[in-house]
Amino acid sequence: MVMKQVSLAHLLWKQHLRPGDWAIDATCGNGYDAQFLNELDLDRLTCIDIQPSAIEATKRRVPNAHVFLRCHSQFPQEALGPNLRLIVYNLGYLPGGNKEITTALSTTCTSIEHGLDVLPAGGAMSIMFYPGHNEGLNELNTLLPTLKALDSSLFAVKSHQWLNRKRAPQLIFILKIK
């Protein structure tokens, strides 16, 4: 059996989150990750995407989520606070959508930097990179050295990738220590 990267991400999220926590799905897409997160008894789930079809799909799957049609580089103020325990990124393009509309390196860098700043100690960030398309490869190649260089007294950074699968998705999980 081969575990999909998204299944591993879900396992990490489930182990990390507790009832009452808050999460941000910064690239909600078709709403499947939001649907999974919603089943974890969170007090607040904020979902963000730049595409109206993604927002509508997420609203259908998770009617009680707080959804925002905006760039992932702009977290809503009401999503931030001491109960924020997880920020999720599933980078790339909307499955089933226009593959020309993708997350972009500049806004992804801004969002991840901001996310690491606003996460309280004990919070985590999950980033799924999709290097199978050029912008995804660019995001991974540019951000990976930055993430590897995060101060180990402040962050613990875990990476999971299939070593024998060319340009396969790569999962990065970051725990903010203090």
C-alpha atoms as a PDB file:
ATOM      1  CA  MET A   1       0.000   0.000   0.000  1.00  0.00           C
ATOM      2  CA  VAL A   2       1.298   3.446  -0.880  1.00  0.00           C
ATOM      3  CA  MET A   3       0.137   6.246   1.414  1.00  0.00           C
ATOM      4  CA  LYS A   4      -0.762   9.402  -0.448  1.00  0.00           C
ATOM      5  CA  GLN A   5       0.894  12.562   0.792  1.00  0.00           C
ATOM      6  CA  VAL A   6      -2.489  14.108   1.601  1.00  0.00           C
ATOM      7  CA  SER A   7      -3.305  11.116   3.838  1.00  0.00           C
ATOM      8  CA  LEU A   8      -0.077  11.672   5.733  1.00  0.00           C
ATOM      9  CA  ALA A   9      -0.900  15.375   6.062  1.00  0.00           C
ATOM     10  CA  HIS A  10      -4.341  14.527   7.446  1.00  0.00           C
ATOM     11  CA  LEU A  11      -2.782  12.129   9.951  1.00  0.00           C
ATOM     12  CA  LEU A  12      -0.377  14.840  11.154  1.00  0.00           C
ATOM     13  CA  TRP A  13      -3.195  17.399  11.433  1.00  0.00           C
ATOM     14  CA  LYS A  14      -5.375  14.988  13.390  1.00  0.00           C
ATOM     15  CA  GLN A  15      -2.548  14.238  15.824  1.00  0.00           C
ATOM     16  CA  HIS A  16      -1.709  17.915  16.233  1.00  0.00           C
ATOM     17  CA  LEU A  17      -5.162  19.493  16.646  1.00  0.00           C
ATOM     18  CA  ARG A  18      -7.404  19.348  19.699  1.00  0.00           C
ATOM     19  CA  PRO A  19     -11.095  20.266  20.076  1.00  0.00           C
ATOM     20  CA  GLY A  20     -11.447  24.029  20.347  1.00  0.00           C
ATOM     21  CA  ASP A  21      -8.423  24.844  18.187  1.00  0.00           C
ATOM     22  CA  TRP A  22      -8.509  27.152  15.169  1.00  0.00           C
ATOM     23  CA  ALA A  23      -7.178  26.384  11.690  1.00  0.00           C
ATOM     24  CA  ILE A  24      -6.665  28.272   8.449  1.00  0.00           C
ATOM     25  CA  ASP A  25      -6.930  26.473   5.119  1.00  0.00           C
ATOM     26  CA  ALA A  26      -5.028  29.089   3.127  1.00  0.00           C
ATOM     27  CA  THR A  27      -5.675  27.454  -0.263  1.00  0.00           C
ATOM     28  CA  CYS A  28      -9.023  25.711   0.162  1.00  0.00           C
ATOM     29  CA  GLY A  29      -9.519  24.568  -3.430  1.00  0.00           C
ATOM     30  CA  ASN A  30     -12.394  22.115  -3.716  1.00  0.00           C
ATOM     31  CA  GLY A  31     -12.842  21.993   0.056  1.00  0.00           C
ATOM     32  CA  TYR A  32     -11.696  18.454   0.804  1.00  0.00           C
ATOM     33  CA  ASP A  33      -9.044  19.482   3.342  1.00  0.00           C
ATOM     34  CA  ALA A  34     -11.528  21.884   4.936  1.00  0.00           C
ATOM     35  CA  GLN A  35     -14.046  19.052   5.152  1.00  0.00           C
ATOM     36  CA  PHE A  36     -11.460  16.871   6.916  1.00  0.00           C
ATOM     37  CA  LEU A  37     -10.509  19.688   9.294  1.00  0.00           C
ATOM     38  CA  ASN A  38     -14.169  20.383  10.040  1.00  0.00           C
ATOM     39  CA  GLU A  39     -14.538  16.846  11.401  1.00  0.00           C
ATOM     40  CA  LEU A  40     -11.911  17.571  14.096  1.00  0.00           C
ATOM     41  CA  ASP A  41     -14.210  19.663  16.327  1.00  0.00           C
ATOM     42  CA  LEU A  42     -12.453  22.984  15.766  1.00  0.00           C
ATOM     43  CA  ASP A  43     -13.864  26.210  17.183  1.00  0.00           C
ATOM     44  CA  ARG A  44     -12.967  28.145  14.026  1.00  0.00           C
ATOM     45  CA  LEU A  45     -12.057  27.108  10.496  1.00  0.00           C
ATOM     46  CA  THR A  46     -11.080  29.870   8.091  1.00  0.00           C
ATOM     47  CA  CYS A  47     -10.826  29.025   4.388  1.00  0.00           C
ATOM     48  CA  ILE A  48      -9.208  31.228   1.741  1.00  0.00           C
ATOM     49  CA  ASP A  49      -8.936  30.988  -2.039  1.00  0.00           C
ATOM     50  CA  ILE A  50      -8.681  33.375  -5.000  1.00  0.00           C
ATOM     51  CA  GLN A  51     -11.153  31.489  -7.180  1.00  0.00           C
ATOM     52  CA  PRO A  52     -14.917  31.899  -6.732  1.00  0.00           C
ATOM     53  CA  SER A  53     -15.520  28.270  -7.767  1.00  0.00           C
ATOM     54  CA  ALA A  54     -13.202  27.102  -4.966  1.00  0.00           C
ATOM     55  CA  ILE A  55     -15.050  29.216  -2.419  1.00  0.00           C
ATOM     56  CA  GLU A  56     -18.412  27.856  -3.589  1.00  0.00           C
ATOM     57  CA  ALA A  57     -17.173  24.243  -3.465  1.00  0.00           C
ATOM     58  CA  THR A  58     -15.844  24.772   0.055  1.00  0.00           C
ATOM     59  CA  LYS A  59     -19.108  26.392   1.209  1.00  0.00           C
ATOM     60  CA  ARG A  60     -21.015  23.353  -0.089  1.00  0.00           C
ATOM     61  CA  ARG A  61     -18.756  20.919   1.765  1.00  0.00           C
ATOM     62  CA  VAL A  62     -18.339  22.964   4.956  1.00  0.00           C
ATOM     63  CA  PRO A  63     -21.246  25.408   5.382  1.00  0.00           C
ATOM     64  CA  ASN A  64     -20.063  26.529   8.830  1.00  0.00           C
ATOM     65  CA  ALA A  65     -16.539  27.508   7.682  1.00  0.00           C
ATOM     66  CA  HIS A  66     -15.552  31.170   7.502  1.00  0.00           C
ATOM     67  CA  VAL A  67     -14.673  31.574   3.824  1.00  0.00           C
ATOM     68  CA  PHE A  68     -12.857  34.447   2.142  1.00  0.00           C
ATOM     69  CA  LEU A  69     -12.352  35.139  -1.548  1.00  0.00           C
ATOM     70  CA  ARG A  70      -8.843  36.598  -1.412  1.00  0.00           C
ATOM     71  CA  CYS A  71      -5.185  35.855  -1.838  1.00  0.00           C
ATOM     72  CA  HIS A  72      -3.605  33.529   0.712  1.00  0.00           C
ATOM     73  CA  SER A  73      -1.094  36.257   1.494  1.00  0.00           C
ATOM     74  CA  GLN A  74      -3.856  38.165   3.336  1.00  0.00           C
ATOM     75  CA  PHE A  75      -5.159  36.347   6.402  1.00  0.00           C
ATOM     76  CA  PRO A  76      -8.389  37.781   7.815  1.00  0.00           C
ATOM     77  CA  GLN A  77      -7.744  39.413  11.190  1.00  0.00           C
ATOM     78  CA  GLU A  78     -10.519  37.362  12.831  1.00  0.00           C
ATOM     79  CA  ALA A  79      -8.659  34.136  11.915  1.00  0.00           C
ATOM     80  CA  LEU A  80      -5.675  35.074  14.068  1.00  0.00           C
ATOM     81  CA  GLY A  81      -5.368  34.542  17.796  1.00  0.00           C
ATOM     82  CA  PRO A  82      -3.951  32.350  20.545  1.00  0.00           C
ATOM     83  CA  ASN A  83      -6.133  29.371  19.507  1.00  0.00           C
ATOM     84  CA  LEU A  84      -4.686  29.270  15.976  1.00  0.00           C
ATOM     85  CA  ARG A  85      -2.924  25.905  15.853  1.00  0.00           C
ATOM     86  CA  LEU A  86      -2.626  25.058  12.164  1.00  0.00           C
ATOM     87  CA  ILE A  87      -2.189  26.781   8.816  1.00  0.00           C
ATOM     88  CA  VAL A  88      -2.565  24.527   5.777  1.00  0.00           C
ATOM     89  CA  TYR A  89      -1.299  25.092   2.231  1.00  0.00           C
ATOM     90  CA  ASN A  90      -2.096  22.787  -0.655  1.00  0.00           C
ATOM     91  CA  LEU A  91      -0.197  24.659  -3.355  1.00  0.00           C
ATOM     92  CA  GLY A  92      -0.635  24.463  -7.100  1.00  0.00           C
ATOM     93  CA  TYR A  93      -3.808  24.724  -9.135  1.00  0.00           C
ATOM     94  CA  LEU A  94      -7.455  23.905  -8.472  1.00  0.00           C
ATOM     95  CA  PRO A  95      -8.056  20.237  -9.406  1.00  0.00           C
ATOM     96  CA  GLY A  96     -10.590  20.202 -12.198  1.00  0.00           C
ATOM     97  CA  GLY A  97     -10.069  23.931 -12.769  1.00  0.00           C
ATOM     98  CA  ASN A  98      -7.935  26.085 -15.022  1.00  0.00           C
ATOM     99  CA  LYS A  99      -4.350  24.818 -14.673  1.00  0.00           C
ATOM    100  CA  GLU A 100      -3.071  28.236 -15.726  1.00  0.00           C
ATOM    101  CA  ILE A 101      -4.302  29.694 -12.403  1.00  0.00           C
ATOM    102  CA  THR A 102      -1.815  28.554  -9.773  1.00  0.00           C
ATOM    103  CA  THR A 103      -0.405  29.703  -6.493  1.00  0.00           C
ATOM    104  CA  ALA A 104       2.456  32.088  -7.196  1.00  0.00           C
ATOM    105  CA  LEU A 105       5.886  32.171  -5.626  1.00  0.00           C
ATOM    106  CA  SER A 106       5.695  35.820  -4.545  1.00  0.00           C
ATOM    107  CA  THR A 107       2.384  35.530  -2.689  1.00  0.00           C
ATOM    108  CA  THR A 108       3.213  32.082  -1.320  1.00  0.00           C
ATOM    109  CA  CYS A 109       6.473  33.412   0.167  1.00  0.00           C
ATOM    110  CA  THR A 110       4.632  36.366   1.703  1.00  0.00           C
ATOM    111  CA  SER A 111       1.915  34.113   3.114  1.00  0.00           C
ATOM    112  CA  ILE A 112       4.258  31.536   4.618  1.00  0.00           C
ATOM    113  CA  GLU A 113       6.447  34.223   6.188  1.00  0.00           C
ATOM    114  CA  HIS A 114       3.377  35.938   7.656  1.00  0.00           C
ATOM    115  CA  GLY A 115       1.945  32.600   8.793  1.00  0.00           C
ATOM    116  CA  LEU A 116       5.110  31.668  10.660  1.00  0.00           C
ATOM    117  CA  ASP A 117       5.030  35.073  12.377  1.00  0.00           C
ATOM    118  CA  VAL A 118       1.389  34.876  13.512  1.00  0.00           C
ATOM    119  CA  LEU A 119       1.392  31.252  14.659  1.00  0.00           C
ATOM    120  CA  PRO A 120       1.588  31.035  18.437  1.00  0.00           C
ATOM    121  CA  ALA A 121       4.073  28.664  20.066  1.00  0.00           C
ATOM    122  CA  GLY A 122       2.775  25.133  19.606  1.00  0.00           C
ATOM    123  CA  GLY A 123       1.160  26.008  16.292  1.00  0.00           C
ATOM    124  CA  ALA A 124       2.005  24.225  13.071  1.00  0.00           C
ATOM    125  CA  MET A 125       2.109  24.818   9.352  1.00  0.00           C
ATOM    126  CA  SER A 126       1.541  22.154   6.703  1.00  0.00           C
ATOM    127  CA  ILE A 127       2.706  22.852   3.156  1.00  0.00           C
ATOM    128  CA  MET A 128       2.049  20.472   0.252  1.00  0.00           C
ATOM    129  CA  PHE A 129       4.209  21.301  -2.749  1.00  0.00           C
ATOM    130  CA  TYR A 130       3.341  20.015  -6.217  1.00  0.00           C
ATOM    131  CA  PRO A 131       6.508  20.184  -8.328  1.00  0.00           C
ATOM    132  CA  GLY A 132       4.832  18.340 -11.212  1.00  0.00           C
ATOM    133  CA  HIS A 133       4.090  21.708 -12.823  1.00  0.00           C
ATOM    134  CA  ASN A 134       6.601  24.495 -13.364  1.00  0.00           C
ATOM    135  CA  GLU A 135       5.291  27.030 -10.828  1.00  0.00           C
ATOM    136  CA  GLY A 136       5.069  24.292  -8.194  1.00  0.00           C
ATOM    137  CA  LEU A 137       8.650  23.267  -8.906  1.00  0.00           C
ATOM    138  CA  ASN A 138       9.696  26.918  -8.651  1.00  0.00           C
ATOM    139  CA  GLU A 139       7.889  27.267  -5.290  1.00  0.00           C
ATOM    140  CA  LEU A 140       9.566  24.135  -3.929  1.00  0.00           C
ATOM    141  CA  ASN A 141      13.062  24.981  -5.197  1.00  0.00           C
ATOM    142  CA  THR A 142      12.858  28.538  -3.863  1.00  0.00           C
ATOM    143  CA  LEU A 143      11.200  27.890  -0.500  1.00  0.00           C
ATOM    144  CA  LEU A 144      12.907  24.653   0.537  1.00  0.00           C
ATOM    145  CA  PRO A 145      16.286  26.278   1.350  1.00  0.00           C
ATOM    146  CA  THR A 146      14.488  28.969   3.379  1.00  0.00           C
ATOM    147  CA  LEU A 147      12.491  26.385   5.327  1.00  0.00           C
ATOM    148  CA  LYS A 148      15.596  24.248   5.926  1.00  0.00           C
ATOM    149  CA  ALA A 149      17.351  27.339   7.315  1.00  0.00           C
ATOM    150  CA  LEU A 150      14.659  28.179   9.901  1.00  0.00           C
ATOM    151  CA  ASP A 151      16.172  28.559  13.371  1.00  0.00           C
ATOM    152  CA  SER A 152      15.958  25.127  15.007  1.00  0.00           C
ATOM    153  CA  SER A 153      15.471  26.694  18.437  1.00  0.00           C
ATOM    154  CA  LEU A 154      12.245  28.274  17.122  1.00  0.00           C
ATOM    155  CA  PHE A 155      10.960  25.741  14.569  1.00  0.00           C
ATOM    156  CA  ALA A 156      11.032  22.001  13.935  1.00  0.00           C
ATOM    157  CA  VAL A 157      10.763  21.288  10.206  1.00  0.00           C
ATOM    158  CA  LYS A 158       9.825  17.858   8.854  1.00  0.00           C
ATOM    159  CA  SER A 159       9.854  16.836   5.192  1.00  0.00           C
ATOM    160  CA  HIS A 160       8.270  13.844   3.486  1.00  0.00           C
ATOM    161  CA  GLN A 161       8.874  12.984  -0.131  1.00  0.00           C
ATOM    162  CA  TRP A 162       8.987   9.895  -2.324  1.00  0.00           C
ATOM    163  CA  LEU A 163      12.637   9.595  -3.266  1.00  0.00           C
ATOM    164  CA  ASN A 164      12.069   7.302  -6.245  1.00  0.00           C
ATOM    165  CA  ARG A 165       9.234   9.291  -7.870  1.00  0.00           C
ATOM    166  CA  LYS A 166      10.311  12.186 -10.028  1.00  0.00           C
ATOM    167  CA  ARG A 167       8.564  15.489  -9.235  1.00  0.00           C
ATOM    168  CA  ALA A 168       6.171  13.836  -6.761  1.00  0.00           C
ATOM    169  CA  PRO A 169       4.323  15.985  -4.200  1.00  0.00           C
ATOM    170  CA  GLN A 170       6.369  16.905  -1.134  1.00  0.00           C
ATOM    171  CA  LEU A 171       4.940  17.573   2.317  1.00  0.00           C
ATOM    172  CA  ILE A 172       6.624  19.971   4.743  1.00  0.00           C
ATOM    173  CA  PHE A 173       5.331  20.144   8.324  1.00  0.00           C
ATOM    174  CA  ILE A 174       6.614  22.916  10.575  1.00  0.00           C
ATOM    175  CA  LEU A 175       6.063  23.107  14.331  1.00  0.00           C
ATOM    176  CA  LYS A 176       6.628  26.471  15.991  1.00  0.00           C
ATOM    177  CA  ILE A 177       8.485  25.755  19.230  1.00  0.00           C
ATOM    178  CA  LYS A 178       8.521  29.273  20.675  1.00  0.00           C
END
